[in-house]
């Protein structure tokens, strides 16, 4: 399956886009696994493209496995690219930390009309990965 790859420096987000065989105008941003090309992401793409969805897999960056510091602006740039490339309906999916990110992004961007959050946290982890260096009195 042919992929289009994106890097943060050029496009404002890191990911890989795969178009399904059908003429679909629907896409889902899938933030699953640690890299847009890992086994979990490829398995998700295989299933969703068979179901008639275009898929953009995303992660924070190449060999960047931390999903705790993931700017929403990157999702905003991905949405812009998807809309400019024929996708009228946009969904987002994430698991664990990216499940929380999916919920947060959906609350900010009205273009996201489908949200799948698998086992998200019940709080936004502001400062979580900074090792108590954010000045907060409480830390999970």
C-alpha atoms as a PDB file:
ATOM      1  CA  UNK A   1       0.000   0.000   0.000  1.00  0.00           C
ATOM      2  CA  UNK A   2       1.443   3.361  -1.042  1.00  0.00           C
ATOM      3  CA  UNK A   3       2.108   5.855   1.754  1.00  0.00           C
ATOM      4  CA  UNK A   4       2.732   9.575   1.815  1.00  0.00           C
ATOM      5  CA  UNK A   5       5.124  10.496   4.631  1.00  0.00           C
ATOM      6  CA  UNK A   6       5.167  13.764   6.564  1.00  0.00           C
ATOM      7  CA  UNK A   7       7.812  15.346   8.779  1.00  0.00           C
ATOM      8  CA  UNK A   8       7.339  18.066  11.375  1.00  0.00           C
ATOM      9  CA  UNK A   9       9.792  20.485   9.770  1.00  0.00           C
ATOM     10  CA  UNK A  10       8.047  20.513   6.365  1.00  0.00           C
ATOM     11  CA  UNK A  11       4.392  19.784   7.139  1.00  0.00           C
ATOM     12  CA  UNK A  12       4.000  20.633  10.811  1.00  0.00           C
ATOM     13  CA  UNK A  13       3.236  17.042  11.839  1.00  0.00           C
ATOM     14  CA  UNK A  14       4.842  13.600  11.675  1.00  0.00           C
ATOM     15  CA  UNK A  15       2.929  10.751  10.098  1.00  0.00           C
ATOM     16  CA  UNK A  16       2.005   8.588   7.129  1.00  0.00           C
ATOM     17  CA  UNK A  17      -1.148   8.767   4.971  1.00  0.00           C
ATOM     18  CA  UNK A  18      -2.700   5.858   3.147  1.00  0.00           C
ATOM     19  CA  UNK A  19      -5.664   6.170   0.819  1.00  0.00           C
ATOM     20  CA  UNK A  20      -8.157   3.326   0.615  1.00  0.00           C
ATOM     21  CA  UNK A  21      -9.021   1.699  -2.723  1.00  0.00           C
ATOM     22  CA  UNK A  22     -12.573   3.040  -2.689  1.00  0.00           C
ATOM     23  CA  UNK A  23     -13.247   6.675  -3.539  1.00  0.00           C
ATOM     24  CA  UNK A  24     -13.649   7.823   0.056  1.00  0.00           C
ATOM     25  CA  UNK A  25     -13.937  11.341   1.421  1.00  0.00           C
ATOM     26  CA  UNK A  26     -13.550  10.171   5.017  1.00  0.00           C
ATOM     27  CA  UNK A  27     -10.309   9.923   6.955  1.00  0.00           C
ATOM     28  CA  UNK A  28      -9.281   9.003  10.449  1.00  0.00           C
ATOM     29  CA  UNK A  29      -6.226  10.225  12.301  1.00  0.00           C
ATOM     30  CA  UNK A  30      -4.908   7.138  14.089  1.00  0.00           C
ATOM     31  CA  UNK A  31      -2.476   7.670  16.937  1.00  0.00           C
ATOM     32  CA  UNK A  32      -1.825   4.038  17.801  1.00  0.00           C
ATOM     33  CA  UNK A  33       1.515   2.467  18.582  1.00  0.00           C
ATOM     34  CA  UNK A  34       4.804   4.311  18.794  1.00  0.00           C
ATOM     35  CA  UNK A  35       5.407   5.120  15.144  1.00  0.00           C
ATOM     36  CA  UNK A  36       3.276   5.609  12.003  1.00  0.00           C
ATOM     37  CA  UNK A  37       4.966   2.542  10.503  1.00  0.00           C
ATOM     38  CA  UNK A  38       4.992   0.134  13.465  1.00  0.00           C
ATOM     39  CA  UNK A  39       3.003  -3.106  13.598  1.00  0.00           C
ATOM     40  CA  UNK A  40       0.042  -1.660  15.495  1.00  0.00           C
ATOM     41  CA  UNK A  41      -0.295   1.291  13.118  1.00  0.00           C
ATOM     42  CA  UNK A  42      -0.008  -0.901  10.006  1.00  0.00           C
ATOM     43  CA  UNK A  43      -2.611  -3.338  11.383  1.00  0.00           C
ATOM     44  CA  UNK A  44      -4.991  -0.450  12.035  1.00  0.00           C
ATOM     45  CA  UNK A  45      -4.424   0.915   8.525  1.00  0.00           C
ATOM     46  CA  UNK A  46      -5.068  -2.471   6.944  1.00  0.00           C
ATOM     47  CA  UNK A  47      -8.389  -2.851   8.754  1.00  0.00           C
ATOM     48  CA  UNK A  48      -9.643   0.732   8.283  1.00  0.00           C
ATOM     49  CA  UNK A  49      -8.728   0.982   4.595  1.00  0.00           C
ATOM     50  CA  UNK A  50     -10.626  -2.270   3.949  1.00  0.00           C
ATOM     51  CA  UNK A  51     -13.613  -0.581   5.602  1.00  0.00           C
ATOM     52  CA  UNK A  52     -13.376   2.378   3.198  1.00  0.00           C
ATOM     53  CA  UNK A  53     -11.472   4.889   5.324  1.00  0.00           C
ATOM     54  CA  UNK A  54      -8.400   6.883   4.404  1.00  0.00           C
ATOM     55  CA  UNK A  55      -5.947   6.768   7.312  1.00  0.00           C
ATOM     56  CA  UNK A  56      -3.340   9.185   8.619  1.00  0.00           C
ATOM     57  CA  UNK A  57      -1.186   7.538  11.287  1.00  0.00           C
ATOM     58  CA  UNK A  58       0.654   9.997  13.516  1.00  0.00           C
ATOM     59  CA  UNK A  59       3.192  10.107  16.325  1.00  0.00           C
ATOM     60  CA  UNK A  60       5.159  12.952  17.960  1.00  0.00           C
ATOM     61  CA  UNK A  61       8.207  12.454  15.734  1.00  0.00           C
ATOM     62  CA  UNK A  62      10.652   9.951  14.332  1.00  0.00           C
ATOM     63  CA  UNK A  63      11.848   7.639  17.105  1.00  0.00           C
ATOM     64  CA  UNK A  64      10.024   9.855  19.614  1.00  0.00           C
ATOM     65  CA  UNK A  65       7.999   7.519  21.781  1.00  0.00           C
ATOM     66  CA  UNK A  66       6.768  10.109  24.273  1.00  0.00           C
ATOM     67  CA  UNK A  67       3.134  10.976  23.751  1.00  0.00           C
ATOM     68  CA  UNK A  68       3.076  13.254  26.814  1.00  0.00           C
ATOM     69  CA  UNK A  69       4.279  16.339  24.953  1.00  0.00           C
ATOM     70  CA  UNK A  70       2.248  16.357  21.750  1.00  0.00           C
ATOM     71  CA  UNK A  71       1.261  19.847  20.536  1.00  0.00           C
ATOM     72  CA  UNK A  72      -2.358  20.129  19.378  1.00  0.00           C
ATOM     73  CA  UNK A  73      -1.110  22.351  16.564  1.00  0.00           C
ATOM     74  CA  UNK A  74       0.263  19.231  14.895  1.00  0.00           C
ATOM     75  CA  UNK A  75      -3.209  17.719  14.806  1.00  0.00           C
ATOM     76  CA  UNK A  76      -4.556  21.022  13.494  1.00  0.00           C
ATOM     77  CA  UNK A  77      -2.007  20.931  10.638  1.00  0.00           C
ATOM     78  CA  UNK A  78      -2.954  17.314   9.882  1.00  0.00           C
ATOM     79  CA  UNK A  79      -6.646  18.262   9.724  1.00  0.00           C
ATOM     80  CA  UNK A  80      -5.837  21.093   7.303  1.00  0.00           C
ATOM     81  CA  UNK A  81      -3.880  18.692   5.071  1.00  0.00           C
ATOM     82  CA  UNK A  82      -6.673  16.100   5.129  1.00  0.00           C
ATOM     83  CA  UNK A  83      -9.314  18.701   4.199  1.00  0.00           C
ATOM     84  CA  UNK A  84      -7.131  20.113   1.416  1.00  0.00           C
ATOM     85  CA  UNK A  85      -6.764  16.597   0.010  1.00  0.00           C
ATOM     86  CA  UNK A  86     -10.401  15.602  -0.382  1.00  0.00           C
ATOM     87  CA  UNK A  87     -11.430  14.411   3.077  1.00  0.00           C
ATOM     88  CA  UNK A  88     -14.727  15.962   4.201  1.00  0.00           C
ATOM     89  CA  UNK A  89     -15.290  13.776   7.263  1.00  0.00           C
ATOM     90  CA  UNK A  90     -12.483  13.467   9.779  1.00  0.00           C
ATOM     91  CA  UNK A  91     -12.228  11.241  12.814  1.00  0.00           C
ATOM     92  CA  UNK A  92      -9.518  10.668  15.387  1.00  0.00           C
ATOM     93  CA  UNK A  93      -8.515   7.601  17.392  1.00  0.00           C
ATOM     94  CA  UNK A  94      -6.050   7.089  20.202  1.00  0.00           C
ATOM     95  CA  UNK A  95      -5.271   4.662  22.993  1.00  0.00           C
ATOM     96  CA  UNK A  96      -4.010   5.350  26.498  1.00  0.00           C
ATOM     97  CA  UNK A  97      -2.144   8.683  26.439  1.00  0.00           C
ATOM     98  CA  UNK A  98      -3.171   9.351  22.845  1.00  0.00           C
ATOM     99  CA  UNK A  99      -6.759   8.501  23.815  1.00  0.00           C
ATOM    100  CA  UNK A 100      -6.629  11.539  26.081  1.00  0.00           C
ATOM    101  CA  UNK A 101      -5.049  13.500  23.239  1.00  0.00           C
ATOM    102  CA  UNK A 102      -7.851  12.408  20.872  1.00  0.00           C
ATOM    103  CA  UNK A 103     -10.490  13.668  23.324  1.00  0.00           C
ATOM    104  CA  UNK A 104      -8.644  16.954  23.820  1.00  0.00           C
ATOM    105  CA  UNK A 105      -8.204  17.501  20.065  1.00  0.00           C
ATOM    106  CA  UNK A 106     -11.876  16.738  19.410  1.00  0.00           C
ATOM    107  CA  UNK A 107     -12.867  19.363  21.980  1.00  0.00           C
ATOM    108  CA  UNK A 108     -10.750  21.987  20.193  1.00  0.00           C
ATOM    109  CA  UNK A 109     -11.315  21.220  16.511  1.00  0.00           C
ATOM    110  CA  UNK A 110     -14.925  21.059  15.238  1.00  0.00           C
ATOM    111  CA  UNK A 111     -13.776  19.394  11.993  1.00  0.00           C
ATOM    112  CA  UNK A 112     -13.314  16.201  14.017  1.00  0.00           C
ATOM    113  CA  UNK A 113     -16.723  14.520  13.918  1.00  0.00           C
ATOM    114  CA  UNK A 114     -15.800  11.059  15.212  1.00  0.00           C
ATOM    115  CA  UNK A 115     -13.667  10.358  18.273  1.00  0.00           C
ATOM    116  CA  UNK A 116     -12.475   6.961  19.449  1.00  0.00           C
ATOM    117  CA  UNK A 117     -10.636   7.091  22.778  1.00  0.00           C
ATOM    118  CA  UNK A 118      -9.529   3.680  24.017  1.00  0.00           C
ATOM    119  CA  UNK A 119      -8.656   3.600  27.739  1.00  0.00           C
ATOM    120  CA  UNK A 120      -7.879   7.325  28.006  1.00  0.00           C
ATOM    121  CA  UNK A 121      -6.720   8.921  31.238  1.00  0.00           C
ATOM    122  CA  UNK A 122      -9.314  10.829  33.228  1.00  0.00           C
ATOM    123  CA  UNK A 123      -7.052  13.893  33.391  1.00  0.00           C
ATOM    124  CA  UNK A 124      -4.798  15.866  31.057  1.00  0.00           C
ATOM    125  CA  UNK A 125      -1.196  15.211  32.010  1.00  0.00           C
ATOM    126  CA  UNK A 126       0.130  18.743  32.030  1.00  0.00           C
ATOM    127  CA  UNK A 127       3.715  18.504  33.206  1.00  0.00           C
ATOM    128  CA  UNK A 128       3.526  14.741  33.714  1.00  0.00           C
ATOM    129  CA  UNK A 129       6.693  13.881  31.826  1.00  0.00           C
ATOM    130  CA  UNK A 130       8.682  16.808  33.227  1.00  0.00           C
ATOM    131  CA  UNK A 131       9.524  15.024  36.465  1.00  0.00           C
ATOM    132  CA  UNK A 132       7.890  17.538  38.858  1.00  0.00           C
ATOM    133  CA  UNK A 133       9.761  20.429  37.227  1.00  0.00           C
ATOM    134  CA  UNK A 134       6.538  22.220  36.279  1.00  0.00           C
ATOM    135  CA  UNK A 135       5.972  23.726  39.741  1.00  0.00           C
ATOM    136  CA  UNK A 136       2.755  21.822  40.436  1.00  0.00           C
ATOM    137  CA  UNK A 137       2.114  20.751  44.012  1.00  0.00           C
ATOM    138  CA  UNK A 138       0.498  17.522  42.892  1.00  0.00           C
ATOM    139  CA  UNK A 139       1.902  14.996  40.490  1.00  0.00           C
ATOM    140  CA  UNK A 140       0.374  11.683  39.388  1.00  0.00           C
END
